[in-house]
Amino acid sequence: DEATSQVIFAFSIGIFFCGLFLRTGNILSSILIHSAFNFAFGTEILE
């Protein structure tokens, strides 16, 4: 159940990142925003 929730979120955000990659023509924008998401969620858990 927990994994499925994460899979649905990852699918949704994956579409967003693909769109961002295609719109900007640069993969770096997707990488930076994805990293910011992971950092934000990770620091919240660590706190």
All heavy atoms as atom14 arrays in JSON, in Angstrom:
{
  "sequence": "DEATSQVIFAFSIGIFFCGLFLRTGNILSSILIHSAFNFAFGTEILE",
  "atom14_mask": [
    [1, 1, 1, 1, 1, 1, 1, 1, 0, 0, 0, 0, 0, 0],
    [1, 1, 1, 1, 1, 1, 1, 1, 1, 0, 0, 0, 0, 0],
    [1, 1, 1, 1, 1, 0, 0, 0, 0, 0, 0, 0, 0, 0],
    [1, 1, 1, 1, 1, 1, 1, 0, 0, 0, 0, 0, 0, 0],
    [1, 1, 1, 1, 1, 1, 0, 0, 0, 0, 0, 0, 0, 0],
    [1, 1, 1, 1, 1, 1, 1, 1, 1, 0, 0, 0, 0, 0],
    [1, 1, 1, 1, 1, 1, 1, 0, 0, 0, 0, 0, 0, 0],
    [1, 1, 1, 1, 1, 1, 1, 1, 0, 0, 0, 0, 0, 0],
    [1, 1, 1, 1, 1, 1, 1, 1, 1, 1, 1, 0, 0, 0],
    [1, 1, 1, 1, 1, 0, 0, 0, 0, 0, 0, 0, 0, 0],
    [1, 1, 1, 1, 1, 1, 1, 1, 1, 1, 1, 0, 0, 0],
    [1, 1, 1, 1, 1, 1, 0, 0, 0, 0, 0, 0, 0, 0],
    [1, 1, 1, 1, 1, 1, 1, 1, 0, 0, 0, 0, 0, 0],
    [1, 1, 1, 1, 0, 0, 0, 0, 0, 0, 0, 0, 0, 0],
    [1, 1, 1, 1, 1, 1, 1, 1, 0, 0, 0, 0, 0, 0],
    [1, 1, 1, 1, 1, 1, 1, 1, 1, 1, 1, 0, 0, 0],
    [1, 1, 1, 1, 1, 1, 1, 1, 1, 1, 1, 0, 0, 0],
    [1, 1, 1, 1, 1, 1, 0, 0, 0, 0, 0, 0, 0, 0],
    [1, 1, 1, 1, 0, 0, 0, 0, 0, 0, 0, 0, 0, 0],
    [1, 1, 1, 1, 1, 1, 1, 1, 0, 0, 0, 0, 0, 0],
    [1, 1, 1, 1, 1, 1, 1, 1, 1, 1, 1, 0, 0, 0],
    [1, 1, 1, 1, 1, 1, 1, 1, 0, 0, 0, 0, 0, 0],
    [1, 1, 1, 1, 1, 1, 1, 1, 1, 1, 1, 0, 0, 0],
    [1, 1, 1, 1, 1, 1, 1, 0, 0, 0, 0, 0, 0, 0],
    [1, 1, 1, 1, 0, 0, 0, 0, 0, 0, 0, 0, 0, 0],
    [1, 1, 1, 1, 1, 1, 1, 1, 0, 0, 0, 0, 0, 0],
    [1, 1, 1, 1, 1, 1, 1, 1, 0, 0, 0, 0, 0, 0],
    [1, 1, 1, 1, 1, 1, 1, 1, 0, 0, 0, 0, 0, 0],
    [1, 1, 1, 1, 1, 1, 0, 0, 0, 0, 0, 0, 0, 0],
    [1, 1, 1, 1, 1, 1, 0, 0, 0, 0, 0, 0, 0, 0],
    [1, 1, 1, 1, 1, 1, 1, 1, 0, 0, 0, 0, 0, 0],
    [1, 1, 1, 1, 1, 1, 1, 1, 0, 0, 0, 0, 0, 0],
    [1, 1, 1, 1, 1, 1, 1, 1, 0, 0, 0, 0, 0, 0],
    [1, 1, 1, 1, 1, 1, 1, 1, 1, 1, 0, 0, 0, 0],
    [1, 1, 1, 1, 1, 1, 0, 0, 0, 0, 0, 0, 0, 0],
    [1, 1, 1, 1, 1, 0, 0, 0, 0, 0, 0, 0, 0, 0],
    [1, 1, 1, 1, 1, 1, 1, 1, 1, 1, 1, 0, 0, 0],
    [1, 1, 1, 1, 1, 1, 1, 1, 0, 0, 0, 0, 0, 0],
    [1, 1, 1, 1, 1, 1, 1, 1, 1, 1, 1, 0, 0, 0],
    [1, 1, 1, 1, 1, 0, 0, 0, 0, 0, 0, 0, 0, 0],
    [1, 1, 1, 1, 1, 1, 1, 1, 1, 1, 1, 0, 0, 0],
    [1, 1, 1, 1, 0, 0, 0, 0, 0, 0, 0, 0, 0, 0],
    [1, 1, 1, 1, 1, 1, 1, 0, 0, 0, 0, 0, 0, 0],
    [1, 1, 1, 1, 1, 1, 1, 1, 1, 0, 0, 0, 0, 0],
    [1, 1, 1, 1, 1, 1, 1, 1, 0, 0, 0, 0, 0, 0],
    [1, 1, 1, 1, 1, 1, 1, 1, 0, 0, 0, 0, 0, 0],
    [1, 1, 1, 1, 1, 1, 1, 1, 1, 0, 0, 0, 0, 0]
  ],
  "atom14_positions": [
    [[0.83, -1.21, 0.0], [0.0, 0.0, 0.0], [0.86, 1.26, 0.0], [0.6, 2.2, -0.76], [-0.93, 0.03, 1.21], [-2.01, -1.03, 1.14], [-2.18, -1.63, 0.06], [-2.66, -1.27, 2.17], [0.0, 0.0, 0.0], [0.0, 0.0, 0.0], [0.0, 0.0, 0.0], [0.0, 0.0, 0.0], [0.0, 0.0, 0.0], [0.0, 0.0, 0.0]],
    [[1.88, 1.28, 0.85], [2.76, 2.45, 0.91], [3.52, 2.63, -0.4], [3.66, 3.73, -0.91], [3.77, 2.3, 2.07], [3.14, 2.33, 3.44], [2.65, 0.97, 3.92], [2.85, -0.04, 3.22], [2.06, 0.93, 5.0], [0.0, 0.0, 0.0], [0.0, 0.0, 0.0], [0.0, 0.0, 0.0], [0.0, 0.0, 0.0], [0.0, 0.0, 0.0]],
    [[3.99, 1.51, -0.94], [4.73, 1.57, -2.2], [3.83, 2.03, -3.35], [4.26, 2.83, -4.19], [5.34, 0.21, -2.52], [0.0, 0.0, 0.0], [0.0, 0.0, 0.0], [0.0, 0.0, 0.0], [0.0, 0.0, 0.0], [0.0, 0.0, 0.0], [0.0, 0.0, 0.0], [0.0, 0.0, 0.0], [0.0, 0.0, 0.0], [0.0, 0.0, 0.0]],
    [[2.6, 1.56, -3.36], [1.67, 1.96, -4.43], [1.41, 3.46, -4.37], [1.35, 4.13, -5.4], [0.36, 1.17, -4.33], [0.66, -0.22, -4.46], [-0.62, 1.58, -5.41], [0.0, 0.0, 0.0], [0.0, 0.0, 0.0], [0.0, 0.0, 0.0], [0.0, 0.0, 0.0], [0.0, 0.0, 0.0], [0.0, 0.0, 0.0], [0.0, 0.0, 0.0]],
    [[1.27, 3.99, -3.17], [1.09, 5.43, -3.02], [2.29, 6.18, -3.6], [2.14, 7.17, -4.32], [0.92, 5.77, -1.55], [0.85, 7.16, -1.37], [0.0, 0.0, 0.0], [0.0, 0.0, 0.0], [0.0, 0.0, 0.0], [0.0, 0.0, 0.0], [0.0, 0.0, 0.0], [0.0, 0.0, 0.0], [0.0, 0.0, 0.0], [0.0, 0.0, 0.0]],
    [[3.49, 5.68, -3.3], [4.7, 6.31, -3.83], [4.8, 6.14, -5.34], [5.24, 7.05, -6.05], [5.93, 5.71, -3.14], [7.21, 6.44, -3.49], [8.41, 5.85, -2.79], [8.43, 4.66, -2.46], [9.4, 6.68, -2.56], [0.0, 0.0, 0.0], [0.0, 0.0, 0.0], [0.0, 0.0, 0.0], [0.0, 0.0, 0.0], [0.0, 0.0, 0.0]],
    [[4.39, 5.0, -5.86], [4.42, 4.74, -7.3], [3.5, 5.72, -8.03], [3.88, 6.28, -9.07], [4.03, 3.27, -7.61], [3.69, 3.07, -9.08], [5.15, 2.33, -7.18], [0.0, 0.0, 0.0], [0.0, 0.0, 0.0], [0.0, 0.0, 0.0], [0.0, 0.0, 0.0], [0.0, 0.0, 0.0], [0.0, 0.0, 0.0], [0.0, 0.0, 0.0]],
    [[2.32, 5.95, -7.51], [1.38, 6.88, -8.14], [1.95, 8.3, -8.13], [1.88, 9.01, -9.14], [0.0, 6.82, -7.44], [-0.64, 5.45, -7.69], [-0.91, 7.95, -7.93], [-1.86, 5.17, -6.83], [0.0, 0.0, 0.0], [0.0, 0.0, 0.0], [0.0, 0.0, 0.0], [0.0, 0.0, 0.0], [0.0, 0.0, 0.0], [0.0, 0.0, 0.0]],
    [[2.55, 8.7, -7.01], [3.17, 10.02, -6.96], [4.33, 10.1, -7.94], [4.46, 11.09, -8.68], [3.67, 10.33, -5.54], [4.39, 11.64, -5.46], [3.7, 12.84, -5.53], [5.77, 11.69, -5.33], [4.37, 14.06, -5.48], [6.45, 12.89, -5.27], [5.74, 14.08, -5.34], [0.0, 0.0, 0.0], [0.0, 0.0, 0.0], [0.0, 0.0, 0.0]],
    [[5.18, 9.07, -7.98], [6.34, 9.07, -8.88], [5.89, 9.11, -10.34], [6.51, 9.79, -11.17], [7.22, 7.86, -8.62], [0.0, 0.0, 0.0], [0.0, 0.0, 0.0], [0.0, 0.0, 0.0], [0.0, 0.0, 0.0], [0.0, 0.0, 0.0], [0.0, 0.0, 0.0], [0.0, 0.0, 0.0], [0.0, 0.0, 0.0], [0.0, 0.0, 0.0]],
    [[4.82, 8.39, -10.68], [4.29, 8.44, -12.04], [3.84, 9.86, -12.39], [4.19, 10.39, -13.45], [3.12, 7.46, -12.18], [2.29, 7.67, -13.42], [2.78, 7.34, -14.67], [1.02, 8.22, -13.33], [2.02, 7.55, -15.81], [0.25, 8.43, -14.46], [0.76, 8.09, -15.71], [0.0, 0.0, 0.0], [0.0, 0.0, 0.0], [0.0, 0.0, 0.0]],
    [[3.1, 10.48, -11.5], [2.59, 11.83, -11.72], [3.74, 12.83, -11.9], [3.76, 13.62, -12.85], [1.71, 12.29, -10.57], [0.65, 11.41, -10.37], [0.0, 0.0, 0.0], [0.0, 0.0, 0.0], [0.0, 0.0, 0.0], [0.0, 0.0, 0.0], [0.0, 0.0, 0.0], [0.0, 0.0, 0.0], [0.0, 0.0, 0.0], [0.0, 0.0, 0.0]],
    [[4.68, 12.78, -10.99], [5.8, 13.72, -11.04], [6.71, 13.39, -12.22], [7.36, 14.27, -12.79], [6.55, 13.77, -9.68], [7.24, 15.12, -9.5], [7.55, 12.67, -9.53], [6.32, 16.24, -9.2], [0.0, 0.0, 0.0], [0.0, 0.0, 0.0], [0.0, 0.0, 0.0], [0.0, 0.0, 0.0], [0.0, 0.0, 0.0], [0.0, 0.0, 0.0]],
    [[6.75, 12.12, -12.62], [7.51, 11.71, -13.8], [6.98, 12.38, -15.06], [7.76, 12.82, -15.92], [0.0, 0.0, 0.0], [0.0, 0.0, 0.0], [0.0, 0.0, 0.0], [0.0, 0.0, 0.0], [0.0, 0.0, 0.0], [0.0, 0.0, 0.0], [0.0, 0.0, 0.0], [0.0, 0.0, 0.0], [0.0, 0.0, 0.0], [0.0, 0.0, 0.0]],
    [[5.67, 12.46, -15.18], [5.07, 13.15, -16.34], [5.46, 14.63, -16.31], [5.82, 15.21, -17.33], [3.54, 12.97, -16.36], [3.21, 11.53, -16.72], [2.89, 13.94, -17.35], [1.74, 11.19, -16.72], [0.0, 0.0, 0.0], [0.0, 0.0, 0.0], [0.0, 0.0, 0.0], [0.0, 0.0, 0.0], [0.0, 0.0, 0.0], [0.0, 0.0, 0.0]],
    [[5.42, 15.22, -15.12], [5.82, 16.62, -14.98], [7.28, 16.81, -15.42], [7.6, 17.73, -16.18], [5.63, 17.08, -13.54], [6.13, 18.47, -13.29], [5.33, 19.57, -13.56], [7.41, 18.69, -12.79], [5.79, 20.86, -13.34], [7.88, 19.97, -12.56], [7.06, 21.06, -12.84], [0.0, 0.0, 0.0], [0.0, 0.0, 0.0], [0.0, 0.0, 0.0]],
    [[8.18, 15.95, -14.93], [9.6, 16.09, -15.27], [9.86, 15.85, -16.76], [10.71, 16.5, -17.35], [10.46, 15.15, -14.43], [10.59, 15.56, -12.99], [10.51, 14.64, -11.98], [10.79, 16.89, -12.65], [10.64, 15.01, -10.65], [10.9, 17.28, -11.32], [10.84, 16.33, -10.32], [0.0, 0.0, 0.0], [0.0, 0.0, 0.0], [0.0, 0.0, 0.0]],
    [[9.13, 14.92, -17.36], [9.26, 14.71, -18.81], [8.83, 15.96, -19.57], [9.5, 16.39, -20.51], [8.41, 13.52, -19.27], [9.07, 11.9, -18.85], [0.0, 0.0, 0.0], [0.0, 0.0, 0.0], [0.0, 0.0, 0.0], [0.0, 0.0, 0.0], [0.0, 0.0, 0.0], [0.0, 0.0, 0.0], [0.0, 0.0, 0.0], [0.0, 0.0, 0.0]],
    [[7.7, 16.53, -19.15], [7.23, 17.76, -19.78], [8.23, 18.89, -19.62], [8.5, 19.63, -20.57], [0.0, 0.0, 0.0], [0.0, 0.0, 0.0], [0.0, 0.0, 0.0], [0.0, 0.0, 0.0], [0.0, 0.0, 0.0], [0.0, 0.0, 0.0], [0.0, 0.0, 0.0], [0.0, 0.0, 0.0], [0.0, 0.0, 0.0], [0.0, 0.0, 0.0]],
    [[8.8, 19.0, -18.45], [9.8, 20.04, -18.19], [11.03, 19.83, -19.07], [11.56, 20.78, -19.66], [10.19, 20.03, -16.71], [11.14, 21.11, -16.25], [10.52, 22.49, -16.4], [11.53, 20.87, -14.79], [0.0, 0.0, 0.0], [0.0, 0.0, 0.0], [0.0, 0.0, 0.0], [0.0, 0.0, 0.0], [0.0, 0.0, 0.0], [0.0, 0.0, 0.0]],
    [[11.47, 18.6, -19.18], [12.62, 18.26, -20.02], [12.34, 18.63, -21.47], [13.17, 19.26, -22.14], [12.92, 16.77, -19.87], [13.99, 16.24, -20.78], [15.15, 16.96, -21.05], [13.87, 14.98, -21.34], [16.15, 16.45, -21.87], [14.86, 14.46, -22.15], [15.99, 15.19, -22.42], [0.0, 0.0, 0.0], [0.0, 0.0, 0.0], [0.0, 0.0, 0.0]],
    [[11.17, 18.27, -21.97], [10.84, 18.58, -23.37], [10.64, 20.08, -23.58], [11.03, 20.63, -24.61], [9.59, 17.82, -23.8], [9.77, 16.32, -23.92], [8.43, 15.65, -24.17], [10.76, 15.99, -25.02], [0.0, 0.0, 0.0], [0.0, 0.0, 0.0], [0.0, 0.0, 0.0], [0.0, 0.0, 0.0], [0.0, 0.0, 0.0], [0.0, 0.0, 0.0]],
    [[10.02, 20.73, -22.63], [9.73, 22.17, -22.76], [11.0, 23.01, -22.74], [11.16, 23.93, -23.52], [8.78, 22.61, -21.64], [8.38, 24.06, -21.72], [7.37, 24.27, -22.83], [6.92, 25.65, -22.81], [7.09, 26.49, -23.82], [7.64, 26.1, -24.95], [6.66, 27.73, -23.72], [0.0, 0.0, 0.0], [0.0, 0.0, 0.0], [0.0, 0.0, 0.0]],
    [[11.92, 22.66, -21.84], [13.15, 23.44, -21.72], [14.22, 22.95, -22.68], [15.16, 23.7, -22.99], [13.72, 23.36, -20.29], [14.06, 22.01, -19.98], [12.73, 23.92, -19.28], [0.0, 0.0, 0.0], [0.0, 0.0, 0.0], [0.0, 0.0, 0.0], [0.0, 0.0, 0.0], [0.0, 0.0, 0.0], [0.0, 0.0, 0.0], [0.0, 0.0, 0.0]],
    [[14.11, 21.71, -23.14], [15.14, 21.14, -24.0], [16.42, 20.82, -23.24], [17.47, 20.59, -23.83], [0.0, 0.0, 0.0], [0.0, 0.0, 0.0], [0.0, 0.0, 0.0], [0.0, 0.0, 0.0], [0.0, 0.0, 0.0], [0.0, 0.0, 0.0], [0.0, 0.0, 0.0], [0.0, 0.0, 0.0], [0.0, 0.0, 0.0], [0.0, 0.0, 0.0]],
    [[16.33, 20.8, -21.91], [17.51, 20.62, -21.09], [17.16, 19.69, -19.92], [16.25, 19.98, -19.16], [17.97, 21.99, -20.56], [19.26, 21.92, -19.81], [19.67, 20.88, -19.32], [19.91, 23.07, -19.71], [0.0, 0.0, 0.0], [0.0, 0.0, 0.0], [0.0, 0.0, 0.0], [0.0, 0.0, 0.0], [0.0, 0.0, 0.0], [0.0, 0.0, 0.0]],
    [[17.91, 18.62, -19.79], [17.63, 17.66, -18.71], [18.04, 18.2, -17.35], [17.54, 17.75, -16.32], [18.32, 16.31, -18.99], [17.79, 15.24, -18.03], [19.82, 16.4, -18.85], [17.32, 14.03, -18.68], [0.0, 0.0, 0.0], [0.0, 0.0, 0.0], [0.0, 0.0, 0.0], [0.0, 0.0, 0.0], [0.0, 0.0, 0.0], [0.0, 0.0, 0.0]],
    [[18.92, 19.18, -17.33], [19.42, 19.72, -16.07], [18.28, 20.29, -15.21], [18.29, 20.14, -13.99], [20.48, 20.78, -16.34], [21.23, 21.3, -15.13], [21.95, 20.17, -14.41], [22.22, 22.37, -15.54], [0.0, 0.0, 0.0], [0.0, 0.0, 0.0], [0.0, 0.0, 0.0], [0.0, 0.0, 0.0], [0.0, 0.0, 0.0], [0.0, 0.0, 0.0]],
    [[17.29, 20.91, -15.83], [16.17, 21.48, -15.07], [15.42, 20.38, -14.31], [15.08, 20.54, -13.14], [15.23, 22.26, -15.98], [14.77, 21.44, -17.04], [0.0, 0.0, 0.0], [0.0, 0.0, 0.0], [0.0, 0.0, 0.0], [0.0, 0.0, 0.0], [0.0, 0.0, 0.0], [0.0, 0.0, 0.0], [0.0, 0.0, 0.0], [0.0, 0.0, 0.0]],
    [[15.18, 19.24, -14.97], [14.51, 18.12, -14.31], [15.36, 17.56, -13.18], [14.85, 17.23, -12.11], [14.21, 17.0, -15.31], [13.23, 17.41, -16.23], [0.0, 0.0, 0.0], [0.0, 0.0, 0.0], [0.0, 0.0, 0.0], [0.0, 0.0, 0.0], [0.0, 0.0, 0.0], [0.0, 0.0, 0.0], [0.0, 0.0, 0.0], [0.0, 0.0, 0.0]],
    [[16.65, 17.44, -13.42], [17.55, 16.9, -12.41], [17.58, 17.79, -11.18], [17.5, 17.31, -10.04], [18.97, 16.72, -12.98], [18.98, 15.6, -14.04], [19.99, 16.44, -11.88], [20.26, 15.51, -14.83], [0.0, 0.0, 0.0], [0.0, 0.0, 0.0], [0.0, 0.0, 0.0], [0.0, 0.0, 0.0], [0.0, 0.0, 0.0], [0.0, 0.0, 0.0]],
    [[17.67, 19.1, -11.39], [17.75, 20.03, -10.26], [16.47, 20.04, -9.43], [16.52, 20.02, -8.2], [18.07, 21.44, -10.76], [19.49, 21.64, -11.31], [19.65, 23.03, -11.91], [20.52, 21.39, -10.23], [0.0, 0.0, 0.0], [0.0, 0.0, 0.0], [0.0, 0.0, 0.0], [0.0, 0.0, 0.0], [0.0, 0.0, 0.0], [0.0, 0.0, 0.0]],
    [[15.32, 20.05, -10.09], [14.06, 20.07, -9.35], [13.83, 18.74, -8.64], [13.38, 18.7, -7.49], [12.88, 20.45, -10.27], [13.05, 21.91, -10.71], [11.54, 20.25, -9.56], [12.03, 22.38, -11.71], [0.0, 0.0, 0.0], [0.0, 0.0, 0.0], [0.0, 0.0, 0.0], [0.0, 0.0, 0.0], [0.0, 0.0, 0.0], [0.0, 0.0, 0.0]],
    [[14.16, 17.63, -9.3], [14.03, 16.32, -8.66], [14.94, 16.25, -7.43], [14.53, 15.77, -6.36], [14.38, 15.21, -9.64], [14.03, 13.84, -9.16], [14.76, 13.18, -8.19], [13.03, 13.01, -9.52], [14.23, 11.99, -7.98], [13.16, 11.87, -8.77], [0.0, 0.0, 0.0], [0.0, 0.0, 0.0], [0.0, 0.0, 0.0], [0.0, 0.0, 0.0]],
    [[16.14, 16.75, -7.55], [17.07, 16.78, -6.42], [16.53, 17.64, -5.28], [16.65, 17.28, -4.1], [18.44, 17.32, -6.85], [19.0, 16.46, -7.82], [0.0, 0.0, 0.0], [0.0, 0.0, 0.0], [0.0, 0.0, 0.0], [0.0, 0.0, 0.0], [0.0, 0.0, 0.0], [0.0, 0.0, 0.0], [0.0, 0.0, 0.0], [0.0, 0.0, 0.0]],
    [[15.92, 18.77, -5.63], [15.34, 19.64, -4.6], [14.2, 18.93, -3.87], [14.08, 19.04, -2.65], [14.84, 20.94, -5.24], [0.0, 0.0, 0.0], [0.0, 0.0, 0.0], [0.0, 0.0, 0.0], [0.0, 0.0, 0.0], [0.0, 0.0, 0.0], [0.0, 0.0, 0.0], [0.0, 0.0, 0.0], [0.0, 0.0, 0.0], [0.0, 0.0, 0.0]],
    [[13.35, 18.2, -4.61], [12.28, 17.41, -3.98], [12.87, 16.41, -3.0], [12.44, 16.31, -1.86], [11.48, 16.65, -5.05], [10.32, 17.39, -5.62], [10.44, 18.69, -6.06], [9.1, 16.77, -5.75], [9.37, 19.36, -6.61], [8.01, 17.43, -6.3], [8.16, 18.73, -6.72], [0.0, 0.0, 0.0], [0.0, 0.0, 0.0], [0.0, 0.0, 0.0]],
    [[13.84, 15.63, -3.47], [14.45, 14.61, -2.62], [15.1, 15.23, -1.39], [15.0, 14.71, -0.29], [15.47, 13.79, -3.41], [14.82, 12.86, -4.4], [13.61, 12.67, -4.41], [15.62, 12.28, -5.27], [0.0, 0.0, 0.0], [0.0, 0.0, 0.0], [0.0, 0.0, 0.0], [0.0, 0.0, 0.0], [0.0, 0.0, 0.0], [0.0, 0.0, 0.0]],
    [[15.78, 16.36, -1.58], [16.43, 17.04, -0.47], [15.39, 17.53, 0.54], [15.54, 17.35, 1.74], [17.28, 18.2, -0.98], [17.97, 18.96, 0.11], [19.11, 18.43, 0.72], [17.48, 20.18, 0.55], [19.74, 19.12, 1.74], [18.11, 20.88, 1.56], [19.25, 20.35, 2.16], [0.0, 0.0, 0.0], [0.0, 0.0, 0.0], [0.0, 0.0, 0.0]],
    [[14.32, 18.13, 0.03], [13.29, 18.67, 0.92], [12.64, 17.56, 1.74], [12.48, 17.69, 2.96], [12.23, 19.42, 0.11], [0.0, 0.0, 0.0], [0.0, 0.0, 0.0], [0.0, 0.0, 0.0], [0.0, 0.0, 0.0], [0.0, 0.0, 0.0], [0.0, 0.0, 0.0], [0.0, 0.0, 0.0], [0.0, 0.0, 0.0], [0.0, 0.0, 0.0]],
    [[12.26, 16.47, 1.08], [11.64, 15.37, 1.81], [12.64, 14.7, 2.74], [12.3, 14.32, 3.86], [11.04, 14.34, 0.85], [9.79, 14.82, 0.18], [9.72, 14.94, -1.2], [8.66, 15.14, 0.92], [8.57, 15.38, -1.82], [7.5, 15.59, 0.31], [7.46, 15.71, -1.07], [0.0, 0.0, 0.0], [0.0, 0.0, 0.0], [0.0, 0.0, 0.0]],
    [[13.87, 14.56, 2.3], [14.9, 13.93, 3.12], [15.24, 14.73, 4.36], [15.37, 14.18, 5.46], [0.0, 0.0, 0.0], [0.0, 0.0, 0.0], [0.0, 0.0, 0.0], [0.0, 0.0, 0.0], [0.0, 0.0, 0.0], [0.0, 0.0, 0.0], [0.0, 0.0, 0.0], [0.0, 0.0, 0.0], [0.0, 0.0, 0.0], [0.0, 0.0, 0.0]],
    [[15.36, 16.05, 4.22], [15.69, 16.87, 5.39], [14.54, 16.92, 6.38], [14.76, 16.98, 7.59], [16.1, 18.3, 4.99], [15.06, 18.87, 4.18], [17.41, 18.31, 4.24], [0.0, 0.0, 0.0], [0.0, 0.0, 0.0], [0.0, 0.0, 0.0], [0.0, 0.0, 0.0], [0.0, 0.0, 0.0], [0.0, 0.0, 0.0], [0.0, 0.0, 0.0]],
    [[13.32, 16.85, 5.89], [12.16, 16.83, 6.79], [12.18, 15.56, 7.64], [11.97, 15.6, 8.85], [10.86, 16.89, 5.98], [9.61, 16.8, 6.84], [8.33, 16.72, 6.01], [8.37, 16.9, 4.79], [7.29, 16.46, 6.63], [0.0, 0.0, 0.0], [0.0, 0.0, 0.0], [0.0, 0.0, 0.0], [0.0, 0.0, 0.0], [0.0, 0.0, 0.0]],
    [[12.46, 14.45, 7.01], [12.52, 13.17, 7.74], [13.68, 13.17, 8.73], [13.53, 12.76, 9.88], [12.64, 11.99, 6.74], [11.32, 11.83, 5.97], [13.01, 10.69, 7.46], [11.39, 10.9, 4.79], [0.0, 0.0, 0.0], [0.0, 0.0, 0.0], [0.0, 0.0, 0.0], [0.0, 0.0, 0.0], [0.0, 0.0, 0.0], [0.0, 0.0, 0.0]],
    [[14.84, 13.66, 8.3], [16.0, 13.72, 9.2], [15.74, 14.62, 10.4], [16.16, 14.31, 11.52], [17.24, 14.19, 8.44], [17.82, 13.21, 7.43], [18.98, 13.85, 6.67], [18.27, 11.92, 8.11], [0.0, 0.0, 0.0], [0.0, 0.0, 0.0], [0.0, 0.0, 0.0], [0.0, 0.0, 0.0], [0.0, 0.0, 0.0], [0.0, 0.0, 0.0]],
    [[15.04, 15.72, 10.18], [14.71, 16.64, 11.29], [13.81, 15.95, 12.31], [13.99, 16.09, 13.51], [14.04, 17.9, 10.74], [13.75, 18.95, 11.78], [15.01, 19.58, 12.38], [16.04, 19.62, 11.69], [14.95, 20.02, 13.53], [0.0, 0.0, 0.0], [0.0, 0.0, 0.0], [0.0, 0.0, 0.0], [0.0, 0.0, 0.0], [0.0, 0.0, 0.0]]
  ]
}
